[in-house]
Amino acid sequence: MTRVNNYHLLHRELAEEDPWRLDANAFEQERHSQMLRLSFSQGPITNALEVGCAAGAFTENWRLIASG
């Protein structure tokens, strides 16, 4: 696969709303729920870094809950 072909494939994939179907995946939803529960178990969080955020599905869920 050439670099140009790889670019076009990735561009097309990322143009979708949920390219990895994380929002509809029951396992991912449960995993996010557990991570959110654990992240807030010790009180409010003022700073966070999500490593390997992929499409940002967890980041978006965390942001919505953290902002109240």
Protein backbone atom coordinates (compact mmCIF):
# COMPACT_ATOMS: atom_id res chain seq x y z
CA MET A 1 0.00 0.00 0.00
CA THR A 2 1.43 3.34 -0.97
CA ARG A 3 1.48 6.34 1.29
CA VAL A 4 -1.09 8.11 -0.94
CA ASN A 5 -3.43 5.10 -0.87
CA ASN A 6 -3.02 4.85 2.89
CA TYR A 7 -3.87 8.55 3.24
CA HIS A 8 -7.03 8.20 1.13
CA LEU A 9 -8.16 5.11 3.03
CA LEU A 10 -7.64 6.79 6.40
CA HIS A 11 -9.29 10.01 5.22
CA ARG A 12 -12.37 8.11 4.05
CA GLU A 13 -12.55 6.11 7.29
CA LEU A 14 -12.24 9.19 9.51
CA ALA A 15 -14.91 11.06 7.53
CA GLU A 16 -17.54 8.80 9.13
CA GLU A 17 -19.33 9.94 12.30
CA ASP A 18 -18.21 6.88 14.31
CA PRO A 19 -15.55 5.14 12.19
CA TRP A 20 -14.78 2.39 14.72
CA ARG A 21 -18.41 2.04 15.87
CA LEU A 22 -17.46 2.75 19.48
CA ASP A 23 -20.76 4.43 20.32
CA ALA A 24 -22.80 1.31 19.45
CA ASN A 25 -20.42 -1.26 20.94
CA ALA A 26 -21.77 -2.69 24.24
CA PHE A 27 -18.28 -3.64 25.46
CA GLU A 28 -16.94 -0.12 24.82
CA GLN A 29 -19.97 1.47 26.49
CA GLU A 30 -19.46 -0.65 29.62
CA ARG A 31 -15.71 0.04 29.61
CA HIS A 32 -16.34 3.79 29.36
CA SER A 33 -18.93 3.60 32.13
CA GLN A 34 -16.46 1.85 34.45
CA MET A 35 -13.61 4.24 33.60
CA LEU A 36 -15.87 7.24 34.26
CA ARG A 37 -17.01 5.78 37.57
CA LEU A 38 -13.41 5.19 38.65
CA SER A 39 -12.18 8.57 37.46
CA PHE A 40 -14.71 10.42 39.62
CA SER A 41 -14.54 8.08 42.63
CA GLN A 42 -12.04 10.31 44.49
CA GLY A 43 -13.83 13.61 43.85
CA PRO A 44 -13.72 16.19 41.07
CA ILE A 45 -10.98 16.13 38.46
CA THR A 46 -9.47 19.41 37.31
CA ASN A 47 -6.93 18.07 34.78
CA ALA A 48 -6.84 14.87 32.75
CA LEU A 49 -4.93 13.35 29.85
CA GLU A 50 -6.42 10.54 27.81
CA VAL A 51 -3.65 8.58 26.10
CA GLY A 52 -4.65 6.80 22.91
CA CYS A 53 -7.91 8.70 22.56
CA ALA A 54 -8.70 7.36 19.03
CA ALA A 55 -11.89 9.10 17.92
CA GLY A 56 -12.41 10.86 21.24
CA ALA A 57 -15.53 8.89 22.29
CA PHE A 58 -14.42 8.55 25.92
CA THR A 59 -13.11 12.12 26.02
CA GLU A 60 -16.48 13.43 24.90
CA ASN A 61 -18.34 11.40 27.54
CA TRP A 62 -15.92 12.54 30.23
CA ARG A 63 -16.23 16.19 29.14
CA LEU A 64 -20.03 16.10 29.30
CA ILE A 65 -20.04 14.65 32.82
CA ALA A 66 -17.18 16.81 34.11
CA SER A 67 -18.81 20.03 32.91
CA GLY A 68 -22.02 19.17 34.78
